[in-house]
Amino acid sequence: MLALSVMLTACGSISVEDYAGEEPRFEPEQFFDGPLVARGVLKDRGGRVIRRFTADINAYWTDGIGTLEEDFLFDDGEESRRVWTLTPAGNGQYVATAGDVVGEGRASVAGNAMFLDYVLQVPYGDGTINLKIDDRMYLLTPDVLINESQMRKFGFRVGEIVLSIERLAPSA
């Protein structure tokens, strides 16, 4: 009976609220403010690294709305840009939008974590496909964040992104 209880607990869904007591506290308005750099990898559904990238990020807040201007450079020379808008929705919640995001993403913050769910439109063949993205960010220090992203199509995992984001201007 104990083994069954442990197995059922282990299979439960992880919530951002599970990190409510963790430090350092993640406050998007503080971390996403100023120049940042991201470094990461894109993995296929089997877990093999298929691309590497860096991104220069210019992050700022105007009238309470956050903007993250992300300029990506991939290891094959491809360049791309995504501009996120983060709008506080109260109680640790944010609405997140970007040009290649379908509709609105929803972010929740608790403790040292921020979970962001959205649908991303990505190039595929001669067109695009929509992938459901489950981003999980964890603040390690006031200036370093790690991010794991699961990508799904029709409920099946099709890839993963793992990256770190570092503040270039240390926090005060």
C-alpha atoms as a PDB file:
ATOM      1  CA  MET A   1       0.000   0.000   0.000  1.00  0.00           C
ATOM      2  CA  LEU A   2       2.847   2.406   0.807  1.00  0.00           C
ATOM      3  CA  ALA A   3       4.474   1.718  -2.580  1.00  0.00           C
ATOM      4  CA  LEU A   4       1.184   2.456  -4.371  1.00  0.00           C
ATOM      5  CA  SER A   5       0.797   5.707  -2.424  1.00  0.00           C
ATOM      6  CA  VAL A   6       4.345   6.795  -3.333  1.00  0.00           C
ATOM      7  CA  MET A   7       3.767   5.923  -7.003  1.00  0.00           C
ATOM      8  CA  LEU A   8       0.517   7.878  -7.163  1.00  0.00           C
ATOM      9  CA  THR A   9       2.109  10.896  -5.481  1.00  0.00           C
ATOM     10  CA  ALA A  10       5.060  10.771  -7.886  1.00  0.00           C
ATOM     11  CA  CYS A  11       2.688  10.761 -10.868  1.00  0.00           C
ATOM     12  CA  GLY A  12       0.860  13.895  -9.702  1.00  0.00           C
ATOM     13  CA  SER A  13       1.100  17.079 -11.700  1.00  0.00           C
ATOM     14  CA  ILE A  14       3.647  19.642 -10.550  1.00  0.00           C
ATOM     15  CA  SER A  15       2.254  23.112  -9.954  1.00  0.00           C
ATOM     16  CA  VAL A  16       4.098  26.410  -9.744  1.00  0.00           C
ATOM     17  CA  GLU A  17       2.628  26.648  -6.232  1.00  0.00           C
ATOM     18  CA  ASP A  18       4.893  23.729  -5.239  1.00  0.00           C
ATOM     19  CA  TYR A  19       7.731  26.303  -5.323  1.00  0.00           C
ATOM     20  CA  ALA A  20       5.991  29.021  -3.270  1.00  0.00           C
ATOM     21  CA  GLY A  21       8.484  28.729  -0.402  1.00  0.00           C
ATOM     22  CA  GLU A  22      11.618  28.586  -2.561  1.00  0.00           C
ATOM     23  CA  GLU A  23      14.274  31.297  -2.682  1.00  0.00           C
ATOM     24  CA  PRO A  24      15.437  33.492  -4.229  1.00  0.00           C
ATOM     25  CA  ARG A  25      12.015  34.981  -4.988  1.00  0.00           C
ATOM     26  CA  PHE A  26      11.396  35.365  -8.697  1.00  0.00           C
ATOM     27  CA  GLU A  27       9.954  38.763  -9.558  1.00  0.00           C
ATOM     28  CA  PRO A  28       9.665  39.182 -13.344  1.00  0.00           C
ATOM     29  CA  GLU A  29       9.702  42.992 -13.037  1.00  0.00           C
ATOM     30  CA  GLN A  30      13.159  42.797 -11.481  1.00  0.00           C
ATOM     31  CA  PHE A  31      14.760  39.910 -13.375  1.00  0.00           C
ATOM     32  CA  PHE A  32      13.447  40.912 -16.810  1.00  0.00           C
ATOM     33  CA  ASP A  33      14.787  44.449 -16.631  1.00  0.00           C
ATOM     34  CA  GLY A  34      17.911  45.365 -18.567  1.00  0.00           C
ATOM     35  CA  PRO A  35      20.204  43.381 -20.846  1.00  0.00           C
ATOM     36  CA  LEU A  36      20.200  39.582 -20.608  1.00  0.00           C
ATOM     37  CA  VAL A  37      21.736  36.738 -22.572  1.00  0.00           C
ATOM     38  CA  ALA A  38      20.214  33.295 -23.111  1.00  0.00           C
ATOM     39  CA  ARG A  39      22.121  30.173 -24.134  1.00  0.00           C
ATOM     40  CA  GLY A  40      20.440  26.901 -24.891  1.00  0.00           C
ATOM     41  CA  VAL A  41      19.754  23.806 -26.918  1.00  0.00           C
ATOM     42  CA  LEU A  42      16.806  22.423 -28.847  1.00  0.00           C
ATOM     43  CA  LYS A  43      16.279  18.664 -28.542  1.00  0.00           C
ATOM     44  CA  ASP A  44      14.251  16.345 -30.747  1.00  0.00           C
ATOM     45  CA  ARG A  45      11.597  14.030 -29.314  1.00  0.00           C
ATOM     46  CA  GLY A  46      14.248  11.413 -28.530  1.00  0.00           C
ATOM     47  CA  GLY A  47      16.291  13.878 -26.465  1.00  0.00           C
ATOM     48  CA  ARG A  48      19.101  14.405 -28.994  1.00  0.00           C
ATOM     49  CA  VAL A  49      20.424  17.977 -29.268  1.00  0.00           C
ATOM     50  CA  ILE A  50      19.645  19.180 -32.796  1.00  0.00           C
ATOM     51  CA  ARG A  51      20.331  22.923 -32.487  1.00  0.00           C
ATOM     52  CA  ARG A  52      22.198  25.336 -30.251  1.00  0.00           C
ATOM     53  CA  PHE A  53      21.454  29.025 -29.850  1.00  0.00           C
ATOM     54  CA  THR A  54      22.195  32.255 -28.052  1.00  0.00           C
ATOM     55  CA  ALA A  55      19.791  35.160 -27.645  1.00  0.00           C
ATOM     56  CA  ASP A  56      20.456  38.738 -26.699  1.00  0.00           C
ATOM     57  CA  ILE A  57      17.480  40.039 -24.731  1.00  0.00           C
ATOM     58  CA  ASN A  58      16.571  43.642 -24.093  1.00  0.00           C
ATOM     59  CA  ALA A  59      13.993  43.666 -21.277  1.00  0.00           C
ATOM     60  CA  TYR A  60      12.138  46.655 -19.869  1.00  0.00           C
ATOM     61  CA  TRP A  61       8.873  47.763 -18.250  1.00  0.00           C
ATOM     62  CA  THR A  62       6.756  50.725 -19.301  1.00  0.00           C
ATOM     63  CA  ASP A  63       3.590  51.673 -17.428  1.00  0.00           C
ATOM     64  CA  GLY A  64       3.628  48.271 -15.714  1.00  0.00           C
ATOM     65  CA  ILE A  65       3.843  46.263 -18.978  1.00  0.00           C
ATOM     66  CA  GLY A  66       6.980  44.193 -19.610  1.00  0.00           C
ATOM     67  CA  THR A  67       8.672  43.845 -22.988  1.00  0.00           C
ATOM     68  CA  LEU A  68      11.329  41.249 -23.826  1.00  0.00           C
ATOM     69  CA  GLU A  69      13.003  41.796 -27.198  1.00  0.00           C
ATOM     70  CA  GLU A  70      14.761  38.502 -27.997  1.00  0.00           C
ATOM     71  CA  ASP A  71      17.271  38.295 -30.885  1.00  0.00           C
ATOM     72  CA  PHE A  72      18.265  34.676 -31.542  1.00  0.00           C
ATOM     73  CA  LEU A  73      21.341  33.337 -33.346  1.00  0.00           C
ATOM     74  CA  PHE A  74      21.353  29.598 -34.055  1.00  0.00           C
ATOM     75  CA  ASP A  75      24.434  27.445 -34.645  1.00  0.00           C
ATOM     76  CA  ASP A  76      23.528  27.107 -38.353  1.00  0.00           C
ATOM     77  CA  GLY A  77      23.559  30.904 -38.783  1.00  0.00           C
ATOM     78  CA  GLU A  78      19.772  31.402 -38.737  1.00  0.00           C
ATOM     79  CA  GLU A  79      18.620  34.551 -36.984  1.00  0.00           C
ATOM     80  CA  SER A  80      15.161  35.198 -35.569  1.00  0.00           C
ATOM     81  CA  ARG A  81      13.413  37.681 -33.329  1.00  0.00           C
ATOM     82  CA  ARG A  82      10.576  37.353 -30.825  1.00  0.00           C
ATOM     83  CA  VAL A  83       9.131  40.230 -28.818  1.00  0.00           C
ATOM     84  CA  TRP A  84       7.184  39.214 -25.718  1.00  0.00           C
ATOM     85  CA  THR A  85       4.758  41.429 -23.848  1.00  0.00           C
ATOM     86  CA  LEU A  86       4.056  40.548 -20.193  1.00  0.00           C
ATOM     87  CA  THR A  87       0.953  42.102 -18.699  1.00  0.00           C
ATOM     88  CA  PRO A  88       0.387  41.604 -14.959  1.00  0.00           C
ATOM     89  CA  ALA A  89      -3.034  40.070 -14.247  1.00  0.00           C
ATOM     90  CA  GLY A  90      -2.783  40.117 -10.436  1.00  0.00           C
ATOM     91  CA  ASN A  91      -2.020  37.460  -7.865  1.00  0.00           C
ATOM     92  CA  GLY A  92       1.254  36.304  -9.478  1.00  0.00           C
ATOM     93  CA  GLN A  93      -0.388  35.883 -12.891  1.00  0.00           C
ATOM     94  CA  TYR A  94       0.673  37.398 -16.226  1.00  0.00           C
ATOM     95  CA  VAL A  95      -0.726  37.425 -19.743  1.00  0.00           C
ATOM     96  CA  ALA A  96       2.047  36.825 -22.290  1.00  0.00           C
ATOM     97  CA  THR A  97       1.825  37.642 -25.987  1.00  0.00           C
ATOM     98  CA  ALA A  98       4.219  37.602 -28.944  1.00  0.00           C
ATOM     99  CA  GLY A  99       3.896  37.774 -32.720  1.00  0.00           C
ATOM    100  CA  ASP A 100       4.281  34.009 -33.207  1.00  0.00           C
ATOM    101  CA  VAL A 101       2.166  33.052 -30.188  1.00  0.00           C
ATOM    102  CA  VAL A 102      -1.398  32.006 -30.971  1.00  0.00           C
ATOM    103  CA  GLY A 103      -3.741  33.918 -28.682  1.00  0.00           C
ATOM    104  CA  GLU A 104      -2.472  34.625 -25.181  1.00  0.00           C
ATOM    105  CA  GLY A 105      -0.063  32.709 -23.022  1.00  0.00           C
ATOM    106  CA  ARG A 106      -0.640  32.408 -19.287  1.00  0.00           C
ATOM    107  CA  ALA A 107       2.164  32.719 -16.759  1.00  0.00           C
ATOM    108  CA  SER A 108       2.073  32.004 -13.031  1.00  0.00           C
ATOM    109  CA  VAL A 109       4.787  32.935 -10.542  1.00  0.00           C
ATOM    110  CA  ALA A 110       5.394  31.499  -7.068  1.00  0.00           C
ATOM    111  CA  GLY A 111       8.592  31.433  -5.012  1.00  0.00           C
ATOM    112  CA  ASN A 112      11.558  31.020  -7.361  1.00  0.00           C
ATOM    113  CA  ALA A 113       9.495  29.669 -10.288  1.00  0.00           C
ATOM    114  CA  MET A 114       7.488  30.901 -13.245  1.00  0.00           C
ATOM    115  CA  PHE A 115       5.428  28.526 -15.400  1.00  0.00           C
ATOM    116  CA  LEU A 116       4.280  29.774 -18.805  1.00  0.00           C
ATOM    117  CA  ASP A 117       1.896  27.895 -21.123  1.00  0.00           C
ATOM    118  CA  TYR A 118       1.260  29.014 -24.687  1.00  0.00           C
ATOM    119  CA  VAL A 119       0.803  27.863 -28.287  1.00  0.00           C
ATOM    120  CA  LEU A 120       3.693  28.719 -30.596  1.00  0.00           C
ATOM    121  CA  GLN A 121       3.407  28.873 -34.372  1.00  0.00           C
ATOM    122  CA  VAL A 122       6.620  27.461 -35.878  1.00  0.00           C
ATOM    123  CA  PRO A 123       7.786  27.067 -39.483  1.00  0.00           C
ATOM    124  CA  TYR A 124       7.340  23.544 -40.839  1.00  0.00           C
ATOM    125  CA  GLY A 125       7.878  22.592 -44.461  1.00  0.00           C
ATOM    126  CA  ASP A 126       6.172  25.184 -46.642  1.00  0.00           C
ATOM    127  CA  GLY A 127       3.892  26.344 -43.832  1.00  0.00           C
ATOM    128  CA  THR A 128       3.627  26.416 -40.064  1.00  0.00           C
ATOM    129  CA  ILE A 129       2.385  24.195 -37.268  1.00  0.00           C
ATOM    130  CA  ASN A 130       1.153  25.064 -33.804  1.00  0.00           C
ATOM    131  CA  LEU A 131       2.960  23.529 -30.829  1.00  0.00           C
ATOM    132  CA  LYS A 132       1.808  23.646 -27.224  1.00  0.00           C
ATOM    133  CA  ILE A 133       4.686  24.915 -25.075  1.00  0.00           C
ATOM    134  CA  ASP A 134       5.047  24.290 -21.347  1.00  0.00           C
ATOM    135  CA  ASP A 135       7.839  26.590 -20.068  1.00  0.00           C
ATOM    136  CA  ARG A 136       9.148  26.097 -16.543  1.00  0.00           C
ATOM    137  CA  MET A 137      11.597  28.702 -15.283  1.00  0.00           C
ATOM    138  CA  TYR A 138      13.544  28.557 -12.025  1.00  0.00           C
ATOM    139  CA  LEU A 139      15.590  31.411 -10.580  1.00  0.00           C
ATOM    140  CA  LEU A 140      18.887  29.993  -9.269  1.00  0.00           C
ATOM    141  CA  THR A 141      20.499  33.253  -8.178  1.00  0.00           C
ATOM    142  CA  PRO A 142      19.292  36.853  -8.528  1.00  0.00           C
ATOM    143  CA  ASP A 143      21.079  36.918 -11.916  1.00  0.00           C
ATOM    144  CA  VAL A 144      20.662  33.367 -13.330  1.00  0.00           C
ATOM    145  CA  LEU A 145      17.497  31.599 -14.467  1.00  0.00           C
ATOM    146  CA  ILE A 146      17.134  28.144 -16.019  1.00  0.00           C
ATOM    147  CA  ASN A 147      14.266  27.236 -18.315  1.00  0.00           C
ATOM    148  CA  GLU A 148      12.946  23.856 -19.470  1.00  0.00           C
ATOM    149  CA  SER A 149      10.342  23.810 -22.230  1.00  0.00           C
ATOM    150  CA  GLN A 150       8.332  20.825 -23.390  1.00  0.00           C
ATOM    151  CA  MET A 151       6.869  21.052 -26.902  1.00  0.00           C
ATOM    152  CA  ARG A 152       3.772  18.981 -27.713  1.00  0.00           C
ATOM    153  CA  LYS A 153       1.600  18.316 -30.739  1.00  0.00           C
ATOM    154  CA  PHE A 154      -1.674  16.368 -30.351  1.00  0.00           C
ATOM    155  CA  GLY A 155      -0.586  15.647 -26.766  1.00  0.00           C
ATOM    156  CA  PHE A 156       2.672  13.965 -27.837  1.00  0.00           C
ATOM    157  CA  ARG A 157       6.055  15.354 -26.846  1.00  0.00           C
ATOM    158  CA  VAL A 158       7.862  16.427 -30.015  1.00  0.00           C
ATOM    159  CA  GLY A 159      10.823  18.276 -28.549  1.00  0.00           C
ATOM    160  CA  GLU A 160      12.382  20.130 -25.677  1.00  0.00           C
ATOM    161  CA  ILE A 161      14.302  23.343 -25.117  1.00  0.00           C
ATOM    162  CA  VAL A 162      16.765  23.786 -22.260  1.00  0.00           C
ATOM    163  CA  LEU A 163      18.351  27.164 -21.664  1.00  0.00           C
ATOM    164  CA  SER A 164      19.809  29.538 -19.134  1.00  0.00           C
ATOM    165  CA  ILE A 165      19.241  33.275 -18.966  1.00  0.00           C
ATOM    166  CA  GLU A 166      21.791  35.522 -17.293  1.00  0.00           C
ATOM    167  CA  ARG A 167      21.430  39.164 -16.324  1.00  0.00           C
ATOM    168  CA  LEU A 168      24.303  41.141 -17.800  1.00  0.00           C
ATOM    169  CA  ALA A 169      23.801  44.051 -15.404  1.00  0.00           C
ATOM    170  CA  PRO A 170      23.932  42.515 -11.894  1.00  0.00           C
ATOM    171  CA  SER A 171      20.942  43.266  -9.726  1.00  0.00           C
ATOM    172  CA  ALA A 172      21.318  45.755  -6.910  1.00  0.00           C
END
